[in-house]
């Protein structure tokens, strides 16, 4: 799922998912779906293009072991 339309190499109008529930508890309409090229050798299929996304990140500090 992404809000960045420029990331798609192929995009199709889809009515399979009219909306999705996002992290903040609201709903966002699904505008299209398609293929995103993540790396030159990796294409992600069935990626949803949505109007908005809410991010909730939790940062974990690395754990170092001492001898």
PDB file of N, CA and C in Angstrom:
ATOM      1  N   UNK A   1       0.850  -1.159   0.000  1.00  0.00           N
ATOM      2  CA  UNK A   1       0.000   0.000   0.000  1.00  0.00           C
ATOM      3  C   UNK A   1       0.904   1.232   0.000  1.00  0.00           C
ATOM      4  N   UNK A   2       0.579   2.185  -0.869  1.00  0.00           N
ATOM      5  CA  UNK A   2       1.372   3.408  -0.945  1.00  0.00           C
ATOM      6  C   UNK A   2       0.498   4.575  -1.402  1.00  0.00           C
ATOM      7  N   UNK A   3       0.961   5.773  -1.082  1.00  0.00           N
ATOM      8  CA  UNK A   3       0.290   6.988  -1.558  1.00  0.00           C
ATOM      9  C   UNK A   3       1.083   7.640  -2.689  1.00  0.00           C
ATOM     10  N   UNK A   4       2.197   7.015  -3.089  1.00  0.00           N
ATOM     11  CA  UNK A   4       3.100   7.602  -4.080  1.00  0.00           C
ATOM     12  C   UNK A   4       2.824   6.973  -5.451  1.00  0.00           C
ATOM     13  N   UNK A   5       2.062   7.660  -6.273  1.00  0.00           N
ATOM     14  CA  UNK A   5       1.651   7.129  -7.569  1.00  0.00           C
ATOM     15  C   UNK A   5       2.832   6.922  -8.508  1.00  0.00           C
ATOM     16  N   UNK A   6       3.872   7.748  -8.395  1.00  0.00           N
ATOM     17  CA  UNK A   6       5.036   7.651  -9.284  1.00  0.00           C
ATOM     18  C   UNK A   6       5.811   6.339  -9.124  1.00  0.00           C
ATOM     19  N   UNK A   7       5.603   5.610  -8.040  1.00  0.00           N
ATOM     20  CA  UNK A   7       6.337   4.367  -7.803  1.00  0.00           C
ATOM     21  C   UNK A   7       5.804   3.202  -8.634  1.00  0.00           C
ATOM     22  N   UNK A   8       4.624   3.346  -9.219  1.00  0.00           N
ATOM     23  CA  UNK A   8       3.993   2.250  -9.968  1.00  0.00           C
ATOM     24  C   UNK A   8       4.546   2.173 -11.381  1.00  0.00           C
ATOM     25  N   UNK A   9       4.846   0.943 -11.840  1.00  0.00           N
ATOM     26  CA  UNK A   9       5.218   0.727 -13.230  1.00  0.00           C
ATOM     27  C   UNK A   9       4.002   0.244 -14.027  1.00  0.00           C
ATOM     28  N   UNK A  10       2.973  -0.183 -13.326  1.00  0.00           N
ATOM     29  CA  UNK A  10       1.715  -0.605 -13.942  1.00  0.00           C
ATOM     30  C   UNK A  10       0.609  -0.324 -12.940  1.00  0.00           C
ATOM     31  N   UNK A  11      -0.484   0.260 -13.411  1.00  0.00           N
ATOM     32  CA  UNK A  11      -1.559   0.660 -12.504  1.00  0.00           C
ATOM     33  C   UNK A  11      -2.903   0.390 -13.170  1.00  0.00           C
ATOM     34  N   UNK A  12      -3.839  -0.212 -12.420  1.00  0.00           N
ATOM     35  CA  UNK A  12      -5.158  -0.541 -12.946  1.00  0.00           C
ATOM     36  C   UNK A  12      -6.222  -0.065 -11.985  1.00  0.00           C
ATOM     37  N   UNK A  13      -7.310   0.406 -12.537  1.00  0.00           N
ATOM     38  CA  UNK A  13      -8.459   0.759 -11.724  1.00  0.00           C
ATOM     39  C   UNK A  13      -9.028  -0.520 -11.131  1.00  0.00           C
ATOM     40  N   UNK A  14      -9.269  -0.535  -9.852  1.00  0.00           N
ATOM     41  CA  UNK A  14      -9.760  -1.741  -9.204  1.00  0.00           C
ATOM     42  C   UNK A  14     -10.913  -1.404  -8.284  1.00  0.00           C
ATOM     43  N   UNK A  15     -11.960  -2.191  -8.348  1.00  0.00           N
ATOM     44  CA  UNK A  15     -13.068  -2.036  -7.404  1.00  0.00           C
ATOM     45  C   UNK A  15     -13.146  -3.229  -6.459  1.00  0.00           C
ATOM     46  N   UNK A  16     -12.087  -4.049  -6.447  1.00  0.00           N
ATOM     47  CA  UNK A  16     -12.057  -5.214  -5.559  1.00  0.00           C
ATOM     48  C   UNK A  16     -12.044  -4.781  -4.090  1.00  0.00           C
ATOM     49  N   UNK A  17     -11.311  -3.722  -3.787  1.00  0.00           N
ATOM     50  CA  UNK A  17     -11.237  -3.187  -2.436  1.00  0.00           C
ATOM     51  C   UNK A  17     -11.666  -1.724  -2.482  1.00  0.00           C
ATOM     52  N   UNK A  18     -12.879  -1.395  -2.089  1.00  0.00           N
ATOM     53  CA  UNK A  18     -13.299   0.006  -2.145  1.00  0.00           C
ATOM     54  C   UNK A  18     -12.567   0.888  -1.137  1.00  0.00           C
ATOM     55  N   UNK A  19     -12.149   0.309  -0.014  1.00  0.00           N
ATOM     56  CA  UNK A  19     -11.406   1.067   0.996  1.00  0.00           C
ATOM     57  C   UNK A  19     -10.598   0.102   1.846  1.00  0.00           C
ATOM     58  N   UNK A  20      -9.639   0.651   2.608  1.00  0.00           N
ATOM     59  CA  UNK A  20      -8.847  -0.130   3.562  1.00  0.00           C
ATOM     60  C   UNK A  20      -8.869   0.587   4.897  1.00  0.00           C
ATOM     61  N   UNK A  21      -8.727  -0.164   5.968  1.00  0.00           N
ATOM     62  CA  UNK A  21      -8.576   0.403   7.305  1.00  0.00           C
ATOM     63  C   UNK A  21      -7.091   0.683   7.523  1.00  0.00           C
ATOM     64  N   UNK A  22      -6.790   1.876   8.008  1.00  0.00           N
ATOM     65  CA  UNK A  22      -5.392   2.231   8.215  1.00  0.00           C
ATOM     66  C   UNK A  22      -5.084   2.334   9.704  1.00  0.00           C
ATOM     67  N   UNK A  23      -3.809   2.533  10.026  1.00  0.00           N
ATOM     68  CA  UNK A  23      -3.324   2.428  11.405  1.00  0.00           C
ATOM     69  C   UNK A  23      -4.005   3.362  12.394  1.00  0.00           C
ATOM     70  N   UNK A  24      -4.442   4.530  11.957  1.00  0.00           N
ATOM     71  CA  UNK A  24      -5.060   5.463  12.899  1.00  0.00           C
ATOM     72  C   UNK A  24      -6.549   5.182  13.133  1.00  0.00           C
ATOM     73  N   UNK A  25      -7.054   4.075  12.562  1.00  0.00           N
ATOM     74  CA  UNK A  25      -8.441   3.676  12.774  1.00  0.00           C
ATOM     75  C   UNK A  25      -9.419   4.221  11.748  1.00  0.00           C
ATOM     76  N   UNK A  26      -8.960   5.056  10.834  1.00  0.00           N
ATOM     77  CA  UNK A  26      -9.834   5.592   9.800  1.00  0.00           C
ATOM     78  C   UNK A  26      -9.764   4.701   8.555  1.00  0.00           C
ATOM     79  N   UNK A  27     -10.586   5.042   7.582  1.00  0.00           N
ATOM     80  CA  UNK A  27     -10.574   4.309   6.324  1.00  0.00           C
ATOM     81  C   UNK A  27     -10.058   5.213   5.215  1.00  0.00           C
ATOM     82  N   UNK A  28      -9.372   4.604   4.264  1.00  0.00           N
ATOM     83  CA  UNK A  28      -8.862   5.341   3.104  1.00  0.00           C
ATOM     84  C   UNK A  28      -9.362   4.653   1.849  1.00  0.00           C
ATOM     85  N   UNK A  29      -9.882   5.414   0.885  1.00  0.00           N
ATOM     86  CA  UNK A  29     -10.327   4.789  -0.356  1.00  0.00           C
ATOM     87  C   UNK A  29      -9.146   4.232  -1.156  1.00  0.00           C
ATOM     88  N   UNK A  30      -9.365   3.074  -1.774  1.00  0.00           N
ATOM     89  CA  UNK A  30      -8.372   2.508  -2.680  1.00  0.00           C
ATOM     90  C   UNK A  30      -8.637   3.106  -4.053  1.00  0.00           C
ATOM     91  N   UNK A  31      -7.662   3.821  -4.590  1.00  0.00           N
ATOM     92  CA  UNK A  31      -7.827   4.496  -5.867  1.00  0.00           C
ATOM     93  C   UNK A  31      -7.518   3.569  -7.039  1.00  0.00           C
ATOM     94  N   UNK A  32      -6.480   2.761  -6.930  1.00  0.00           N
ATOM     95  CA  UNK A  32      -6.051   1.819  -7.967  1.00  0.00           C
ATOM     96  C   UNK A  32      -5.218   0.729  -7.307  1.00  0.00           C
ATOM     97  N   UNK A  33      -4.792  -0.253  -8.107  1.00  0.00           N
ATOM     98  CA  UNK A  33      -3.775  -1.193  -7.650  1.00  0.00           C
ATOM     99  C   UNK A  33      -2.873  -1.523  -8.818  1.00  0.00           C
ATOM    100  N   UNK A  34      -1.677  -2.057  -8.518  1.00  0.00           N
ATOM    101  CA  UNK A  34      -0.753  -2.339  -9.602  1.00  0.00           C
ATOM    102  C   UNK A  34       0.562  -2.908  -9.134  1.00  0.00           C
ATOM    103  N   UNK A  35       1.594  -2.649  -9.932  1.00  0.00           N
ATOM    104  CA  UNK A  35       2.921  -3.221  -9.710  1.00  0.00           C
ATOM    105  C   UNK A  35       3.900  -2.096  -9.388  1.00  0.00           C
ATOM    106  N   UNK A  36       4.674  -2.291  -8.315  1.00  0.00           N
ATOM    107  CA  UNK A  36       5.731  -1.357  -7.924  1.00  0.00           C
ATOM    108  C   UNK A  36       7.063  -2.081  -8.082  1.00  0.00           C
ATOM    109  N   UNK A  37       8.025  -1.425  -8.734  1.00  0.00           N
ATOM    110  CA  UNK A  37       9.358  -2.000  -8.867  1.00  0.00           C
ATOM    111  C   UNK A  37      10.190  -1.553  -7.663  1.00  0.00           C
ATOM    112  N   UNK A  38      10.351  -2.466  -6.699  1.00  0.00           N
ATOM    113  CA  UNK A  38      11.076  -2.157  -5.465  1.00  0.00           C
ATOM    114  C   UNK A  38      12.582  -2.070  -5.709  1.00  0.00           C
ATOM    115  N   UNK A  39      13.103  -2.991  -6.497  1.00  0.00           N
ATOM    116  CA  UNK A  39      14.505  -2.996  -6.913  1.00  0.00           C
ATOM    117  C   UNK A  39      14.525  -3.436  -8.376  1.00  0.00           C
ATOM    118  N   UNK A  40      15.659  -3.335  -9.054  1.00  0.00           N
ATOM    119  CA  UNK A  40      15.691  -3.777 -10.454  1.00  0.00           C
ATOM    120  C   UNK A  40      15.273  -5.241 -10.659  1.00  0.00           C
ATOM    121  N   UNK A  41      15.430  -6.059  -9.629  1.00  0.00           N
ATOM    122  CA  UNK A  41      15.077  -7.478  -9.780  1.00  0.00           C
ATOM    123  C   UNK A  41      13.862  -7.896  -8.950  1.00  0.00           C
ATOM    124  N   UNK A  42      13.156  -6.938  -8.345  1.00  0.00           N
ATOM    125  CA  UNK A  42      12.014  -7.289  -7.498  1.00  0.00           C
ATOM    126  C   UNK A  42      10.819  -6.397  -7.793  1.00  0.00           C
ATOM    127  N   UNK A  43       9.777  -7.000  -8.336  1.00  0.00           N
ATOM    128  CA  UNK A  43       8.510  -6.302  -8.561  1.00  0.00           C
ATOM    129  C   UNK A  43       7.492  -6.760  -7.526  1.00  0.00           C
ATOM    130  N   UNK A  44       6.813  -5.812  -6.912  1.00  0.00           N
ATOM    131  CA  UNK A  44       5.750  -6.115  -5.954  1.00  0.00           C
ATOM    132  C   UNK A  44       4.421  -5.976  -6.680  1.00  0.00           C
ATOM    133  N   UNK A  45       3.626  -7.042  -6.680  1.00  0.00           N
ATOM    134  CA  UNK A  45       2.349  -7.030  -7.390  1.00  0.00           C
ATOM    135  C   UNK A  45       1.204  -6.782  -6.418  1.00  0.00           C
ATOM    136  N   UNK A  46       0.084  -6.363  -6.948  1.00  0.00           N
ATOM    137  CA  UNK A  46      -1.133  -6.118  -6.157  1.00  0.00           C
ATOM    138  C   UNK A  46      -0.920  -5.084  -5.054  1.00  0.00           C
ATOM    139  N   UNK A  47      -0.111  -4.075  -5.326  1.00  0.00           N
ATOM    140  CA  UNK A  47       0.108  -2.985  -4.383  1.00  0.00           C
ATOM    141  C   UNK A  47      -1.061  -2.008  -4.517  1.00  0.00           C
ATOM    142  N   UNK A  48      -1.629  -1.625  -3.398  1.00  0.00           N
ATOM    143  CA  UNK A  48      -2.767  -0.716  -3.406  1.00  0.00           C
ATOM    144  C   UNK A  48      -2.296   0.734  -3.406  1.00  0.00           C
ATOM    145  N   UNK A  49      -2.891   1.531  -4.275  1.00  0.00           N
ATOM    146  CA  UNK A  49      -2.644   2.972  -4.308  1.00  0.00           C
ATOM    147  C   UNK A  49      -3.798   3.626  -3.554  1.00  0.00           C
ATOM    148  N   UNK A  50      -3.470   4.253  -2.424  1.00  0.00           N
ATOM    149  CA  UNK A  50      -4.499   4.800  -1.544  1.00  0.00           C
ATOM    150  C   UNK A  50      -4.331   6.306  -1.377  1.00  0.00           C
ATOM    151  N   UNK A  51      -5.373   6.931  -0.863  1.00  0.00           N
ATOM    152  CA  UNK A  51      -5.393   8.374  -0.693  1.00  0.00           C
ATOM    153  C   UNK A  51      -4.546   8.843   0.483  1.00  0.00           C
ATOM    154  N   UNK A  52      -4.559   8.066   1.571  1.00  0.00           N
ATOM    155  CA  UNK A  52      -3.751   8.445   2.736  1.00  0.00           C
ATOM    156  C   UNK A  52      -3.332   7.203   3.498  1.00  0.00           C
ATOM    157  N   UNK A  53      -2.233   7.347   4.238  1.00  0.00           N
ATOM    158  CA  UNK A  53      -1.707   6.284   5.089  1.00  0.00           C
ATOM    159  C   UNK A  53      -1.284   6.925   6.399  1.00  0.00           C
ATOM    160  N   UNK A  54      -1.526   6.242   7.484  1.00  0.00           N
ATOM    161  CA  UNK A  54      -1.054   6.694   8.787  1.00  0.00           C
ATOM    162  C   UNK A  54       0.059   5.754   9.224  1.00  0.00           C
ATOM    163  N   UNK A  55       1.186   6.317   9.596  1.00  0.00           N
ATOM    164  CA  UNK A  55       2.329   5.511  10.022  1.00  0.00           C
ATOM    165  C   UNK A  55       2.486   5.588  11.530  1.00  0.00           C
ATOM    166  N   UNK A  56       2.738   4.445  12.124  1.00  0.00           N
ATOM    167  CA  UNK A  56       3.108   4.395  13.534  1.00  0.00           C
ATOM    168  C   UNK A  56       4.382   3.567  13.624  1.00  0.00           C
ATOM    169  N   UNK A  57       5.500   4.260  13.791  1.00  0.00           N
ATOM    170  CA  UNK A  57       6.779   3.577  13.843  1.00  0.00           C
ATOM    171  C   UNK A  57       7.225   3.421  15.291  1.00  0.00           C
ATOM    172  N   UNK A  58       7.841   2.293  15.560  1.00  0.00           N
ATOM    173  CA  UNK A  58       8.449   2.074  16.859  1.00  0.00           C
ATOM    174  C   UNK A  58       9.924   1.803  16.602  1.00  0.00           C
ATOM    175  N   UNK A  59      10.760   2.636  17.159  1.00  0.00           N
ATOM    176  CA  UNK A  59      12.200   2.513  16.945  1.00  0.00           C
ATOM    177  C   UNK A  59      12.786   1.616  18.022  1.00  0.00           C
ATOM    178  N   UNK A  60      13.491   0.594  17.581  1.00  0.00           N
ATOM    179  CA  UNK A  60      14.168  -0.307  18.509  1.00  0.00           C
ATOM    180  C   UNK A  60      15.653  -0.001  18.487  1.00  0.00           C
ATOM    181  N   UNK A  61      16.225   0.134  19.656  1.00  0.00           N
ATOM    182  CA  UNK A  61      17.655   0.358  19.759  1.00  0.00           C
ATOM    183  C   UNK A  61      18.371  -0.984  19.639  1.00  0.00           C
ATOM    184  N   UNK A  62      19.507  -1.017  18.939  1.00  0.00           N
ATOM    185  CA  UNK A  62      20.241  -2.274  18.837  1.00  0.00           C
ATOM    186  C   UNK A  62      20.758  -2.722  20.193  1.00  0.00           C
ATOM    187  N   UNK A  63      20.792  -4.010  20.379  1.00  0.00           N
ATOM    188  CA  UNK A  63      21.286  -4.587  21.629  1.00  0.00           C
ATOM    189  C   UNK A  63      22.702  -5.093  21.377  1.00  0.00           C
ATOM    190  N   UNK A  64      23.629  -4.582  22.161  1.00  0.00           N
ATOM    191  CA  UNK A  64      25.027  -5.013  22.008  1.00  0.00           C
ATOM    192  C   UNK A  64      25.412  -5.850  23.222  1.00  0.00           C
ATOM    193  N   UNK A  65      26.059  -6.955  22.938  1.00  0.00           N
ATOM    194  CA  UNK A  65      26.536  -7.799  24.016  1.00  0.00           C
ATOM    195  C   UNK A  65      28.000  -7.494  24.274  1.00  0.00           C
ATOM    196  N   UNK A  66      28.356  -7.408  25.535  1.00  0.00           N
ATOM    197  CA  UNK A  66      29.747  -7.197  25.901  1.00  0.00           C
ATOM    198  C   UNK A  66      30.313  -8.473  26.470  1.00  0.00           C
ATOM    199  N   UNK A  67      31.586  -8.664  26.265  1.00  0.00           N
ATOM    200  CA  UNK A  67      32.225  -9.887  26.780  1.00  0.00           C
ATOM    201  C   UNK A  67      32.900  -9.629  28.088  1.00  0.00           C
TER     202      UNK A  67
END
